[in-house]
Amino acid sequence: MRIVYIEDNDELRETIGCLMEGPGRIVTCCANAEEALQLDAQAPFDLVVTDVSLPGQSGTDLAQTLLKAAPQRWIVLCSGYDLGHYPSQWGPHVRTLLKPFEIEDLEDLLGQIETQRAATLQ
């Protein structure tokens, strides 16, 4: 599974990016949405994990842009505040993760997404 992780905090981006890596996962890290969009245009990612508050284009705007082109895209929005039910209206594959989160919570979410993706690819 190809994952892009977008986070403007250098330390968090490096740490969380490394922690997401594992068997069957290739993680690419970006500091902003614009960089992620350029990379995604070359080869679409299977999963987009993004901070909501980013310099330039926000993580929510990024998610909406990607979902317009591919409504079945998997997106995880990371935010320091509760986004409520708003993101779930964007489609069945949009999830939220409240910051600060435990790495186990992220790993559980990634595992759920991997399982659901595998079921739909069969």
PDB file of N, CA and C in Angstrom:
ATOM      1  N   MET A   1       0.854  -1.174   0.000  1.00  0.00           N
ATOM      2  CA  MET A   1       0.000   0.000   0.000  1.00  0.00           C
ATOM      3  C   MET A   1       0.899   1.236   0.000  1.00  0.00           C
ATOM      4  N   ARG A   2       0.651   2.121  -0.961  1.00  0.00           N
ATOM      5  CA  ARG A   2       1.408   3.372  -1.046  1.00  0.00           C
ATOM      6  C   ARG A   2       0.685   4.441  -0.239  1.00  0.00           C
ATOM      7  N   ILE A   3       1.400   5.025   0.720  1.00  0.00           N
ATOM      8  CA  ILE A   3       0.839   6.022   1.633  1.00  0.00           C
ATOM      9  C   ILE A   3       1.605   7.324   1.486  1.00  0.00           C
ATOM     10  N   VAL A   4       0.872   8.441   1.453  1.00  0.00           N
ATOM     11  CA  VAL A   4       1.517   9.744   1.548  1.00  0.00           C
ATOM     12  C   VAL A   4       1.076  10.358   2.883  1.00  0.00           C
ATOM     13  N   TYR A   5       2.057  10.886   3.620  1.00  0.00           N
ATOM     14  CA  TYR A   5       1.797  11.525   4.912  1.00  0.00           C
ATOM     15  C   TYR A   5       2.190  12.984   4.795  1.00  0.00           C
ATOM     16  N   ILE A   6       1.218  13.879   5.015  1.00  0.00           N
ATOM     17  CA  ILE A   6       1.458  15.307   4.885  1.00  0.00           C
ATOM     18  C   ILE A   6       1.371  15.950   6.271  1.00  0.00           C
ATOM     19  N   GLU A   7       2.493  16.543   6.683  1.00  0.00           N
ATOM     20  CA  GLU A   7       2.611  17.178   8.007  1.00  0.00           C
ATOM     21  C   GLU A   7       3.665  18.272   7.895  1.00  0.00           C
ATOM     22  N   ASP A   8       3.320  19.482   8.344  1.00  0.00           N
ATOM     23  CA  ASP A   8       4.270  20.591   8.221  1.00  0.00           C
ATOM     24  C   ASP A   8       5.300  20.634   9.346  1.00  0.00           C
ATOM     25  N   ASN A   9       5.064  19.930  10.445  1.00  0.00           N
ATOM     26  CA  ASN A   9       6.031  19.868  11.537  1.00  0.00           C
ATOM     27  C   ASN A   9       7.098  18.827  11.179  1.00  0.00           C
ATOM     28  N   ASP A  10       8.340  19.301  10.985  1.00  0.00           N
ATOM     29  CA  ASP A  10       9.426  18.427  10.525  1.00  0.00           C
ATOM     30  C   ASP A  10       9.622  17.196  11.406  1.00  0.00           C
ATOM     31  N   GLU A  11       9.636  17.404  12.718  1.00  0.00           N
ATOM     32  CA  GLU A  11       9.887  16.298  13.648  1.00  0.00           C
ATOM     33  C   GLU A  11       8.763  15.268  13.605  1.00  0.00           C
ATOM     34  N   LEU A  12       7.524  15.744  13.645  1.00  0.00           N
ATOM     35  CA  LEU A  12       6.383  14.822  13.575  1.00  0.00           C
ATOM     36  C   LEU A  12       6.367  14.072  12.250  1.00  0.00           C
ATOM     37  N   ARG A  13       6.619  14.795  11.160  1.00  0.00           N
ATOM     38  CA  ARG A  13       6.596  14.183   9.826  1.00  0.00           C
ATOM     39  C   ARG A  13       7.600  13.028   9.756  1.00  0.00           C
ATOM     40  N   GLU A  14       8.807  13.267  10.245  1.00  0.00           N
ATOM     41  CA  GLU A  14       9.835  12.235  10.203  1.00  0.00           C
ATOM     42  C   GLU A  14       9.483  11.059  11.108  1.00  0.00           C
ATOM     43  N   THR A  15       9.065  11.345  12.324  1.00  0.00           N
ATOM     44  CA  THR A  15       8.764  10.289  13.300  1.00  0.00           C
ATOM     45  C   THR A  15       7.569   9.444  12.880  1.00  0.00           C
ATOM     46  N   ILE A  16       6.441  10.102  12.602  1.00  0.00           N
ATOM     47  CA  ILE A  16       5.223   9.368  12.243  1.00  0.00           C
ATOM     48  C   ILE A  16       5.411   8.651  10.907  1.00  0.00           C
ATOM     49  N   GLY A  17       6.088   9.306   9.971  1.00  0.00           N
ATOM     50  CA  GLY A  17       6.357   8.659   8.686  1.00  0.00           C
ATOM     51  C   GLY A  17       7.100   7.348   8.855  1.00  0.00           C
ATOM     52  N   CYS A  18       8.107   7.343   9.702  1.00  0.00           N
ATOM     53  CA  CYS A  18       8.878   6.116   9.964  1.00  0.00           C
ATOM     54  C   CYS A  18       8.026   5.066  10.667  1.00  0.00           C
ATOM     55  N   LEU A  19       7.202   5.504  11.611  1.00  0.00           N
ATOM     56  CA  LEU A  19       6.379   4.568  12.377  1.00  0.00           C
ATOM     57  C   LEU A  19       5.290   3.912  11.521  1.00  0.00           C
ATOM     58  N   MET A  20       4.875   4.581  10.454  1.00  0.00           N
ATOM     59  CA  MET A  20       3.834   4.013   9.582  1.00  0.00           C
ATOM     60  C   MET A  20       4.394   2.940   8.655  1.00  0.00           C
ATOM     61  N   GLU A  21       5.708   2.939   8.444  1.00  0.00           N
ATOM     62  CA  GLU A  21       6.301   1.961   7.548  1.00  0.00           C
ATOM     63  C   GLU A  21       6.167   0.560   8.117  1.00  0.00           C
ATOM     64  N   GLY A  22       6.045  -0.399   7.234  1.00  0.00           N
ATOM     65  CA  GLY A  22       5.920  -1.786   7.650  1.00  0.00           C
ATOM     66  C   GLY A  22       5.787  -2.667   6.438  1.00  0.00           C
ATOM     67  N   PRO A  23       5.620  -3.967   6.650  1.00  0.00           N
ATOM     68  CA  PRO A  23       5.487  -4.889   5.521  1.00  0.00           C
ATOM     69  C   PRO A  23       4.318  -4.477   4.618  1.00  0.00           C
ATOM     70  N   GLY A  24       4.596  -4.347   3.342  1.00  0.00           N
ATOM     71  CA  GLY A  24       3.553  -3.999   2.396  1.00  0.00           C
ATOM     72  C   GLY A  24       3.204  -2.524   2.344  1.00  0.00           C
ATOM     73  N   ARG A  25       3.937  -1.688   3.065  1.00  0.00           N
ATOM     74  CA  ARG A  25       3.665  -0.248   3.088  1.00  0.00           C
ATOM     75  C   ARG A  25       4.875   0.534   2.599  1.00  0.00           C
ATOM     76  N   ILE A  26       4.622   1.448   1.695  1.00  0.00           N
ATOM     77  CA  ILE A  26       5.642   2.395   1.248  1.00  0.00           C
ATOM     78  C   ILE A  26       5.129   3.774   1.612  1.00  0.00           C
ATOM     79  N   VAL A  27       5.867   4.496   2.458  1.00  0.00           N
ATOM     80  CA  VAL A  27       5.424   5.794   2.959  1.00  0.00           C
ATOM     81  C   VAL A  27       6.269   6.912   2.352  1.00  0.00           C
ATOM     82  N   THR A  28       5.586   7.901   1.791  1.00  0.00           N
ATOM     83  CA  THR A  28       6.222   9.110   1.282  1.00  0.00           C
ATOM     84  C   THR A  28       5.750  10.259   2.157  1.00  0.00           C
ATOM     85  N   CYS A  29       6.669  11.100   2.596  1.00  0.00           N
ATOM     86  CA  CYS A  29       6.316  12.225   3.459  1.00  0.00           C
ATOM     87  C   CYS A  29       6.438  13.549   2.705  1.00  0.00           C
ATOM     88  N   CYS A  30       5.491  14.443   2.961  1.00  0.00           N
ATOM     89  CA  CYS A  30       5.484  15.769   2.341  1.00  0.00           C
ATOM     90  C   CYS A  30       5.216  16.817   3.408  1.00  0.00           C
ATOM     91  N   ALA A  31       5.747  18.016   3.188  1.00  0.00           N
ATOM     92  CA  ALA A  31       5.567  19.116   4.136  1.00  0.00           C
ATOM     93  C   ALA A  31       4.323  19.946   3.836  1.00  0.00           C
ATOM     94  N   ASN A  32       3.762  19.788   2.619  1.00  0.00           N
ATOM     95  CA  ASN A  32       2.581  20.586   2.284  1.00  0.00           C
ATOM     96  C   ASN A  32       1.717  19.860   1.256  1.00  0.00           C
ATOM     97  N   ALA A  33       0.498  20.352   1.103  1.00  0.00           N
ATOM     98  CA  ALA A  33      -0.472  19.727   0.206  1.00  0.00           C
ATOM     99  C   ALA A  33      -0.055  19.836  -1.254  1.00  0.00           C
ATOM    100  N   GLU A  34       0.541  20.956  -1.610  1.00  0.00           N
ATOM    101  CA  GLU A  34       0.935  21.169  -2.999  1.00  0.00           C
ATOM    102  C   GLU A  34       1.948  20.124  -3.461  1.00  0.00           C
ATOM    103  N   GLU A  35       2.921  19.816  -2.611  1.00  0.00           N
ATOM    104  CA  GLU A  35       3.914  18.784  -2.926  1.00  0.00           C
ATOM    105  C   GLU A  35       3.238  17.416  -3.066  1.00  0.00           C
ATOM    106  N   ALA A  36       2.306  17.125  -2.170  1.00  0.00           N
ATOM    107  CA  ALA A  36       1.594  15.844  -2.216  1.00  0.00           C
ATOM    108  C   ALA A  36       0.777  15.719  -3.499  1.00  0.00           C
ATOM    109  N   LEU A  37       0.138  16.800  -3.921  1.00  0.00           N
ATOM    110  CA  LEU A  37      -0.652  16.776  -5.155  1.00  0.00           C
ATOM    111  C   LEU A  37       0.225  16.500  -6.375  1.00  0.00           C
ATOM    112  N   GLN A  38       1.412  17.102  -6.404  1.00  0.00           N
ATOM    113  CA  GLN A  38       2.333  16.874  -7.525  1.00  0.00           C
ATOM    114  C   GLN A  38       2.747  15.406  -7.600  1.00  0.00           C
ATOM    115  N   LEU A  39       3.092  14.834  -6.453  1.00  0.00           N
ATOM    116  CA  LEU A  39       3.506  13.431  -6.419  1.00  0.00           C
ATOM    117  C   LEU A  39       2.344  12.502  -6.761  1.00  0.00           C
ATOM    118  N   ASP A  40       1.160  12.835  -6.257  1.00  0.00           N
ATOM    119  CA  ASP A  40      -0.015  12.010  -6.499  1.00  0.00           C
ATOM    120  C   ASP A  40      -0.400  12.026  -7.981  1.00  0.00           C
ATOM    121  N   ALA A  41      -0.184  13.149  -8.652  1.00  0.00           N
ATOM    122  CA  ALA A  41      -0.503  13.248 -10.077  1.00  0.00           C
ATOM    123  C   ALA A  41       0.362  12.298 -10.911  1.00  0.00           C
ATOM    124  N   GLN A  42       1.576  12.040 -10.433  1.00  0.00           N
ATOM    125  CA  GLN A  42       2.495  11.137 -11.143  1.00  0.00           C
ATOM    126  C   GLN A  42       2.099   9.670 -10.939  1.00  0.00           C
ATOM    127  N   ALA A  43       1.712   9.334  -9.717  1.00  0.00           N
ATOM    128  CA  ALA A  43       1.303   7.969  -9.368  1.00  0.00           C
ATOM    129  C   ALA A  43       0.417   8.065  -8.129  1.00  0.00           C
ATOM    130  N   PRO A  44      -0.901   7.904  -8.292  1.00  0.00           N
ATOM    131  CA  PRO A  44      -1.822   8.075  -7.163  1.00  0.00           C
ATOM    132  C   PRO A  44      -1.492   7.165  -5.977  1.00  0.00           C
ATOM    133  N   PHE A  45      -1.576   7.751  -4.796  1.00  0.00           N
ATOM    134  CA  PHE A  45      -1.356   7.003  -3.559  1.00  0.00           C
ATOM    135  C   PHE A  45      -2.620   6.243  -3.193  1.00  0.00           C
ATOM    136  N   ASP A  46      -2.445   5.118  -2.501  1.00  0.00           N
ATOM    137  CA  ASP A  46      -3.580   4.320  -2.036  1.00  0.00           C
ATOM    138  C   ASP A  46      -4.252   4.958  -0.828  1.00  0.00           C
ATOM    139  N   LEU A  47      -3.448   5.636  -0.015  1.00  0.00           N
ATOM    140  CA  LEU A  47      -3.936   6.258   1.210  1.00  0.00           C
ATOM    141  C   LEU A  47      -3.255   7.602   1.405  1.00  0.00           C
ATOM    142  N   VAL A  48      -4.057   8.590   1.762  1.00  0.00           N
ATOM    143  CA  VAL A  48      -3.547   9.924   2.061  1.00  0.00           C
ATOM    144  C   VAL A  48      -3.815  10.195   3.542  1.00  0.00           C
ATOM    145  N   VAL A  49      -2.756  10.409   4.310  1.00  0.00           N
ATOM    146  CA  VAL A  49      -2.872  10.756   5.725  1.00  0.00           C
ATOM    147  C   VAL A  49      -2.356  12.184   5.840  1.00  0.00           C
ATOM    148  N   THR A  50      -3.228  13.106   6.240  1.00  0.00           N
ATOM    149  CA  THR A  50      -2.828  14.506   6.246  1.00  0.00           C
ATOM    150  C   THR A  50      -3.262  15.254   7.492  1.00  0.00           C
ATOM    151  N   ASP A  51      -2.385  16.158   7.908  1.00  0.00           N
ATOM    152  CA  ASP A  51      -2.738  17.117   8.944  1.00  0.00           C
ATOM    153  C   ASP A  51      -3.777  18.043   8.326  1.00  0.00           C
ATOM    154  N   VAL A  52      -4.697  18.550   9.115  1.00  0.00           N
ATOM    155  CA  VAL A  52      -5.717  19.466   8.615  1.00  0.00           C
ATOM    156  C   VAL A  52      -5.133  20.864   8.430  1.00  0.00           C
ATOM    157  N   SER A  53      -4.363  21.329   9.416  1.00  0.00           N
ATOM    158  CA  SER A  53      -3.791  22.678   9.370  1.00  0.00           C
ATOM    159  C   SER A  53      -2.415  22.644   8.725  1.00  0.00           C
ATOM    160  N   LEU A  54      -2.357  23.096   7.484  1.00  0.00           N
ATOM    161  CA  LEU A  54      -1.110  23.124   6.730  1.00  0.00           C
ATOM    162  C   LEU A  54      -0.901  24.521   6.159  1.00  0.00           C
ATOM    163  N   PRO A  55       0.351  24.904   5.916  1.00  0.00           N
ATOM    164  CA  PRO A  55       0.582  26.179   5.221  1.00  0.00           C
ATOM    165  C   PRO A  55       0.108  26.041   3.769  1.00  0.00           C
ATOM    166  N   GLY A  56      -0.429  27.100   3.213  1.00  0.00           N
ATOM    167  CA  GLY A  56      -0.959  27.003   1.850  1.00  0.00           C
ATOM    168  C   GLY A  56      -2.289  26.283   1.880  1.00  0.00           C
ATOM    169  N   GLN A  57      -2.450  25.319   0.991  1.00  0.00           N
ATOM    170  CA  GLN A  57      -3.695  24.558   0.931  1.00  0.00           C
ATOM    171  C   GLN A  57      -3.849  23.699   2.182  1.00  0.00           C
ATOM    172  N   SER A  58      -5.034  23.718   2.789  1.00  0.00           N
ATOM    173  CA  SER A  58      -5.277  22.937   4.004  1.00  0.00           C
ATOM    174  C   SER A  58      -5.451  21.459   3.678  1.00  0.00           C
ATOM    175  N   GLY A  59      -5.362  20.641   4.703  1.00  0.00           N
ATOM    176  CA  GLY A  59      -5.565  19.206   4.532  1.00  0.00           C
ATOM    177  C   GLY A  59      -6.980  18.875   4.100  1.00  0.00           C
ATOM    178  N   THR A  60      -7.972  19.641   4.575  1.00  0.00           N
ATOM    179  CA  THR A  60      -9.352  19.398   4.160  1.00  0.00           C
ATOM    180  C   THR A  60      -9.546  19.761   2.687  1.00  0.00           C
ATOM    181  N   ASP A  61      -8.924  20.864   2.250  1.00  0.00           N
ATOM    182  CA  ASP A  61      -9.010  21.230   0.828  1.00  0.00           C
ATOM    183  C   ASP A  61      -8.322  20.178  -0.042  1.00  0.00           C
ATOM    184  N   LEU A  62      -7.184  19.686   0.421  1.00  0.00           N
ATOM    185  CA  LEU A  62      -6.472  18.621  -0.289  1.00  0.00           C
ATOM    186  C   LEU A  62      -7.374  17.399  -0.428  1.00  0.00           C
ATOM    187  N   ALA A  63      -7.995  16.998   0.673  1.00  0.00           N
ATOM    188  CA  ALA A  63      -8.873  15.827   0.655  1.00  0.00           C
ATOM    189  C   ALA A  63     -10.011  16.013  -0.342  1.00  0.00           C
ATOM    190  N   GLN A  64     -10.635  17.179  -0.323  1.00  0.00           N
ATOM    191  CA  GLN A  64     -11.747  17.422  -1.239  1.00  0.00           C
ATOM    192  C   GLN A  64     -11.290  17.412  -2.694  1.00  0.00           C
ATOM    193  N   THR A  65     -10.122  17.966  -2.971  1.00  0.00           N
ATOM    194  CA  THR A  65      -9.576  17.954  -4.334  1.00  0.00           C
ATOM    195  C   THR A  65      -9.359  16.525  -4.806  1.00  0.00           C
ATOM    196  N   LEU A  66      -8.745  15.709  -3.961  1.00  0.00           N
ATOM    197  CA  LEU A  66      -8.460  14.316  -4.334  1.00  0.00           C
ATOM    198  C   LEU A  66      -9.745  13.499  -4.475  1.00  0.00           C
ATOM    199  N   LEU A  67     -10.711  13.763  -3.606  1.00  0.00           N
ATOM    200  CA  LEU A  67     -11.964  13.014  -3.657  1.00  0.00           C
ATOM    201  C   LEU A  67     -12.812  13.378  -4.878  1.00  0.00           C
ATOM    202  N   LYS A  68     -12.681  14.599  -5.373  1.00  0.00           N
ATOM    203  CA  LYS A  68     -13.402  14.975  -6.597  1.00  0.00           C
ATOM    204  C   LYS A  68     -12.939  14.113  -7.765  1.00  0.00           C
ATOM    205  N   ALA A  69     -11.646  13.868  -7.822  1.00  0.00           N
ATOM    206  CA  ALA A  69     -11.078  13.069  -8.914  1.00  0.00           C
ATOM    207  C   ALA A  69     -11.299  11.569  -8.696  1.00  0.00           C
ATOM    208  N   ALA A  70     -11.299  11.138  -7.443  1.00  0.00           N
ATOM    209  CA  ALA A  70     -11.425   9.707  -7.120  1.00  0.00           C
ATOM    210  C   ALA A  70     -12.225   9.553  -5.820  1.00  0.00           C
ATOM    211  N   PRO A  71     -13.567   9.483  -5.931  1.00  0.00           N
ATOM    212  CA  PRO A  71     -14.419   9.436  -4.731  1.00  0.00           C
ATOM    213  C   PRO A  71     -14.164   8.253  -3.806  1.00  0.00           C
ATOM    214  N   GLN A  72     -13.549   7.185  -4.312  1.00  0.00           N
ATOM    215  CA  GLN A  72     -13.291   6.012  -3.481  1.00  0.00           C
ATOM    216  C   GLN A  72     -11.931   6.068  -2.790  1.00  0.00           C
ATOM    217  N   ARG A  73     -11.258   7.215  -2.894  1.00  0.00           N
ATOM    218  CA  ARG A  73      -9.929   7.400  -2.303  1.00  0.00           C
ATOM    219  C   ARG A  73     -10.006   7.249  -0.788  1.00  0.00           C
ATOM    220  N   TRP A  74      -8.970   6.643  -0.209  1.00  0.00           N
ATOM    221  CA  TRP A  74      -8.856   6.534   1.247  1.00  0.00           C
ATOM    222  C   TRP A  74      -8.127   7.767   1.773  1.00  0.00           C
ATOM    223  N   ILE A  75      -8.739   8.441   2.758  1.00  0.00           N
ATOM    224  CA  ILE A  75      -8.187   9.661   3.349  1.00  0.00           C
ATOM    225  C   ILE A  75      -8.286   9.560   4.871  1.00  0.00           C
ATOM    226  N   VAL A  76      -7.211   9.952   5.567  1.00  0.00           N
ATOM    227  CA  VAL A  76      -7.258  10.110   7.027  1.00  0.00           C
ATOM    228  C   VAL A  76      -6.871  11.552   7.328  1.00  0.00           C
ATOM    229  N   LEU A  77      -7.780  12.263   7.995  1.00  0.00           N
ATOM    230  CA  LEU A  77      -7.545  13.645   8.396  1.00  0.00           C
ATOM    231  C   LEU A  77      -7.121  13.668   9.861  1.00  0.00           C
ATOM    232  N   CYS A  78      -5.947  14.234  10.138  1.00  0.00           N
ATOM    233  CA  CYS A  78      -5.429  14.341  11.499  1.00  0.00           C
ATOM    234  C   CYS A  78      -5.637  15.784  11.975  1.00  0.00           C
ATOM    235  N   SER A  79      -6.265  15.934  13.120  1.00  0.00           N
ATOM    236  CA  SER A  79      -6.575  17.271  13.603  1.00  0.00           C
ATOM    237  C   SER A  79      -6.513  17.330  15.123  1.00  0.00           C
ATOM    238  N   GLY A  80      -6.155  18.501  15.619  1.00  0.00           N
ATOM    239  CA  GLY A  80      -6.128  18.729  17.060  1.00  0.00           C
ATOM    240  C   GLY A  80      -7.507  19.025  17.632  1.00  0.00           C
ATOM    241  N   TYR A  81      -8.496  19.150  16.759  1.00  0.00           N
ATOM    242  CA  TYR A  81      -9.862  19.392  17.225  1.00  0.00           C
ATOM    243  C   TYR A  81     -10.804  18.426  16.513  1.00  0.00           C
ATOM    244  N   ASP A  82     -11.925  18.149  17.166  1.00  0.00           N
ATOM    245  CA  ASP A  82     -12.890  17.188  16.653  1.00  0.00           C
ATOM    246  C   ASP A  82     -13.588  17.760  15.421  1.00  0.00           C
ATOM    247  N   LEU A  83     -13.525  17.051  14.317  1.00  0.00           N
ATOM    248  CA  LEU A  83     -14.159  17.501  13.077  1.00  0.00           C
ATOM    249  C   LEU A  83     -15.616  17.066  12.981  1.00  0.00           C
ATOM    250  N   GLY A  84     -16.078  16.326  13.976  1.00  0.00           N
ATOM    251  CA  GLY A  84     -17.468  15.878  13.994  1.00  0.00           C
ATOM    252  C   GLY A  84     -17.766  14.933  12.847  1.00  0.00           C
ATOM    253  N   HIS A  85     -19.015  14.979  12.379  1.00  0.00           N
ATOM    254  CA  HIS A  85     -19.453  14.091  11.296  1.00  0.00           C
ATOM    255  C   HIS A  85     -19.197  14.683   9.921  1.00  0.00           C
ATOM    256  N   TYR A  86     -18.697  15.903   9.873  1.00  0.00           N
ATOM    257  CA  TYR A  86     -18.486  16.615   8.615  1.00  0.00           C
ATOM    258  C   TYR A  86     -17.689  15.803   7.588  1.00  0.00           C
ATOM    259  N   PRO A  87     -16.504  15.281   7.913  1.00  0.00           N
ATOM    260  CA  PRO A  87     -15.728  14.537   6.903  1.00  0.00           C
ATOM    261  C   PRO A  87     -16.403  13.253   6.421  1.00  0.00           C
ATOM    262  N   SER A  88     -17.206  12.614   7.251  1.00  0.00           N
ATOM    263  CA  SER A  88     -17.846  11.361   6.836  1.00  0.00           C
ATOM    264  C   SER A  88     -18.840  11.584   5.695  1.00  0.00           C
ATOM    265  N   GLN A  89     -19.267  12.820   5.504  1.00  0.00           N
ATOM    266  CA  GLN A  89     -20.178  13.142   4.409  1.00  0.00           C
ATOM    267  C   GLN A  89     -19.460  13.133   3.062  1.00  0.00           C
ATOM    268  N   TRP A  90     -18.140  13.122   3.075  1.00  0.00           N
ATOM    269  CA  TRP A  90     -17.355  13.163   1.840  1.00  0.00           C
ATOM    270  C   TRP A  90     -17.242  11.800   1.181  1.00  0.00           C
ATOM    271  N   GLY A  91     -17.527  10.757   1.897  1.00  0.00           N
ATOM    272  CA  GLY A  91     -17.452   9.431   1.303  1.00  0.00           C
ATOM    273  C   GLY A  91     -17.150   8.359   2.329  1.00  0.00           C
ATOM    274  N   PRO A  92     -17.269   7.102   1.902  1.00  0.00           N
ATOM    275  CA  PRO A  92     -17.123   5.979   2.836  1.00  0.00           C
ATOM    276  C   PRO A  92     -15.699   5.692   3.288  1.00  0.00           C
ATOM    277  N   HIS A  93     -14.712   6.304   2.639  1.00  0.00           N
ATOM    278  CA  HIS A  93     -13.325   5.990   2.960  1.00  0.00           C
ATOM    279  C   HIS A  93     -12.581   7.140   3.618  1.00  0.00           C
ATOM    280  N   VAL A  94     -13.317   8.071   4.206  1.00  0.00           N
ATOM    281  CA  VAL A  94     -12.694   9.201   4.892  1.00  0.00           C
ATOM    282  C   VAL A  94     -12.767   8.944   6.395  1.00  0.00           C
ATOM    283  N   ARG A  95     -11.617   9.010   7.040  1.00  0.00           N
ATOM    284  CA  ARG A  95     -11.531   8.793   8.484  1.00  0.00           C
ATOM    285  C   ARG A  95     -10.861   9.997   9.136  1.00  0.00           C
ATOM    286  N   THR A  96     -11.040  10.120  10.451  1.00  0.00           N
ATOM    287  CA  THR A  96     -10.367  11.177  11.201  1.00  0.00           C
ATOM    288  C   THR A  96      -9.572  10.549  12.342  1.00  0.00           C
ATOM    289  N   LEU A  97      -8.514  11.253  12.737  1.00  0.00           N
ATOM    290  CA  LEU A  97      -7.670  10.823  13.846  1.00  0.00           C
ATOM    291  C   LEU A  97      -7.360  12.063  14.665  1.00  0.00           C
ATOM    292  N   LEU A  98      -7.803  12.062  15.920  1.00  0.00           N
ATOM    293  CA  LEU A  98      -7.640  13.216  16.792  1.00  0.00           C
ATOM    294  C   LEU A  98      -6.219  13.276  17.345  1.00  0.00           C
ATOM    295  N   LYS A  99      -5.578  14.441  17.185  1.00  0.00           N
ATOM    296  CA  LYS A  99      -4.220  14.659  17.700  1.00  0.00           C
ATOM    297  C   LYS A  99      -4.300  15.221  19.112  1.00  0.00           C
ATOM    298  N   PRO A 100      -3.383  14.919  19.975  1.00  0.00           N
ATOM    299  CA  PRO A 100      -2.299  13.943  19.774  1.00  0.00           C
ATOM    300  C   PRO A 100      -2.863  12.531  19.860  1.00  0.00           C
ATOM    301  N   PHE A 101      -2.367  11.648  19.018  1.00  0.00           N
ATOM    302  CA  PHE A 101      -2.838  10.271  19.005  1.00  0.00           C
ATOM    303  C   PHE A 101      -1.713   9.341  19.414  1.00  0.00           C
ATOM    304  N   GLU A 102      -2.112   8.193  19.909  1.00  0.00           N
ATOM    305  CA  GLU A 102      -1.147   7.143  20.236  1.00  0.00           C
ATOM    306  C   GLU A 102      -0.801   6.411  18.948  1.00  0.00           C
ATOM    307  N   ILE A 103       0.421   5.962  18.809  1.00  0.00           N
ATOM    308  CA  ILE A 103       0.831   5.257  17.604  1.00  0.00           C
ATOM    309  C   ILE A 103      -0.008   3.990  17.416  1.00  0.00           C
ATOM    310  N   GLU A 104      -0.458   3.392  18.510  1.00  0.00           N
ATOM    311  CA  GLU A 104      -1.310   2.202  18.411  1.00  0.00           C
ATOM    312  C   GLU A 104      -2.624   2.539  17.719  1.00  0.00           C
ATOM    313  N   ASP A 105      -3.180   3.742  17.994  1.00  0.00           N
ATOM    314  CA  ASP A 105      -4.421   4.161  17.344  1.00  0.00           C
ATOM    315  C   ASP A 105      -4.217   4.313  15.841  1.00  0.00           C
ATOM    316  N   LEU A 106      -3.090   4.902  15.456  1.00  0.00           N
ATOM    317  CA  LEU A 106      -2.774   5.043  14.039  1.00  0.00           C
ATOM    318  C   LEU A 106      -2.587   3.671  13.402  1.00  0.00           C
ATOM    319  N   GLU A 107      -1.860   2.801  14.055  1.00  0.00           N
ATOM    320  CA  GLU A 107      -1.604   1.458  13.526  1.00  0.00           C
ATOM    321  C   GLU A 107      -2.914   0.678  13.374  1.00  0.00           C
ATOM    322  N   ASP A 108      -3.809   0.787  14.359  1.00  0.00           N
ATOM    323  CA  ASP A 108      -5.116   0.122  14.266  1.00  0.00           C
ATOM    324  C   ASP A 108      -5.903   0.630  13.059  1.00  0.00           C
ATOM    325  N   LEU A 109      -5.894   1.943  12.867  1.00  0.00           N
ATOM    326  CA  LEU A 109      -6.606   2.538  11.745  1.00  0.00           C
ATOM    327  C   LEU A 109      -6.012   2.084  10.408  1.00  0.00           C
ATOM    328  N   LEU A 110      -4.685   2.084  10.316  1.00  0.00           N
ATOM    329  CA  LEU A 110      -4.034   1.616   9.088  1.00  0.00           C
ATOM    330  C   LEU A 110      -4.372   0.149   8.814  1.00  0.00           C
ATOM    331  N   GLY A 111      -4.397  -0.651   9.856  1.00  0.00           N
ATOM    332  CA  GLY A 111      -4.756  -2.070   9.708  1.00  0.00           C
ATOM    333  C   GLY A 111      -6.181  -2.242   9.213  1.00  0.00           C
ATOM    334  N   GLN A 112      -7.111  -1.448   9.742  1.00  0.00           N
ATOM    335  CA  GLN A 112      -8.511  -1.510   9.295  1.00  0.00           C
ATOM    336  C   GLN A 112      -8.619  -1.140   7.813  1.00  0.00           C
ATOM    337  N   ILE A 113      -7.905  -0.094   7.423  1.00  0.00           N
ATOM    338  CA  ILE A 113      -7.947   0.351   6.030  1.00  0.00           C
ATOM    339  C   ILE A 113      -7.339  -0.715   5.119  1.00  0.00           C
ATOM    340  N   GLU A 114      -6.213  -1.295   5.528  1.00  0.00           N
ATOM    341  CA  GLU A 114      -5.588  -2.359   4.728  1.00  0.00           C
ATOM    342  C   GLU A 114      -6.547  -3.534   4.538  1.00  0.00           C
ATOM    343  N   THR A 115      -7.238  -3.919   5.606  1.00  0.00           N
ATOM    344  CA  THR A 115      -8.186  -5.035   5.538  1.00  0.00           C
ATOM    345  C   THR A 115      -9.340  -4.709   4.598  1.00  0.00           C
ATOM    346  N   GLN A 116      -9.891  -3.513   4.716  1.00  0.00           N
ATOM    347  CA  GLN A 116     -11.016  -3.125   3.861  1.00  0.00           C
ATOM    348  C   GLN A 116     -10.589  -2.993   2.402  1.00  0.00           C
ATOM    349  N   ARG A 117      -9.386  -2.462   2.165  1.00  0.00           N
ATOM    350  CA  ARG A 117      -8.874  -2.352   0.795  1.00  0.00           C
ATOM    351  C   ARG A 117      -8.696  -3.737   0.183  1.00  0.00           C
ATOM    352  N   ALA A 118      -8.133  -4.652   0.949  1.00  0.00           N
ATOM    353  CA  ALA A 118      -7.888  -6.008   0.461  1.00  0.00           C
ATOM    354  C   ALA A 118      -9.213  -6.694   0.098  1.00  0.00           C
ATOM    355  N   ALA A 119     -10.235  -6.464   0.889  1.00  0.00           N
ATOM    356  CA  ALA A 119     -11.540  -7.078   0.627  1.00  0.00           C
ATOM    357  C   ALA A 119     -12.158  -6.549  -0.662  1.00  0.00           C
ATOM    358  N   THR A 120     -11.962  -5.273  -0.953  1.00  0.00           N
ATOM    359  CA  THR A 120     -12.549  -4.685  -2.157  1.00  0.00           C
ATOM    360  C   THR A 120     -11.723  -4.997  -3.413  1.00  0.00           C
ATOM    361  N   LEU A 121     -10.442  -5.335  -3.239  1.00  0.00           N
ATOM    362  CA  LEU A 121      -9.598  -5.637  -4.382  1.00  0.00           C
ATOM    363  C   LEU A 121      -9.750  -7.083  -4.872  1.00  0.00           C
ATOM    364  N   GLN A 122     -10.443  -7.902  -4.074  1.00  0.00           N
ATOM    365  CA  GLN A 122     -10.598  -9.321  -4.450  1.00  0.00           C
ATOM    366  C   GLN A 122     -11.781  -9.520  -5.345  1.00  0.00           C
TER     367      GLN A 122
END
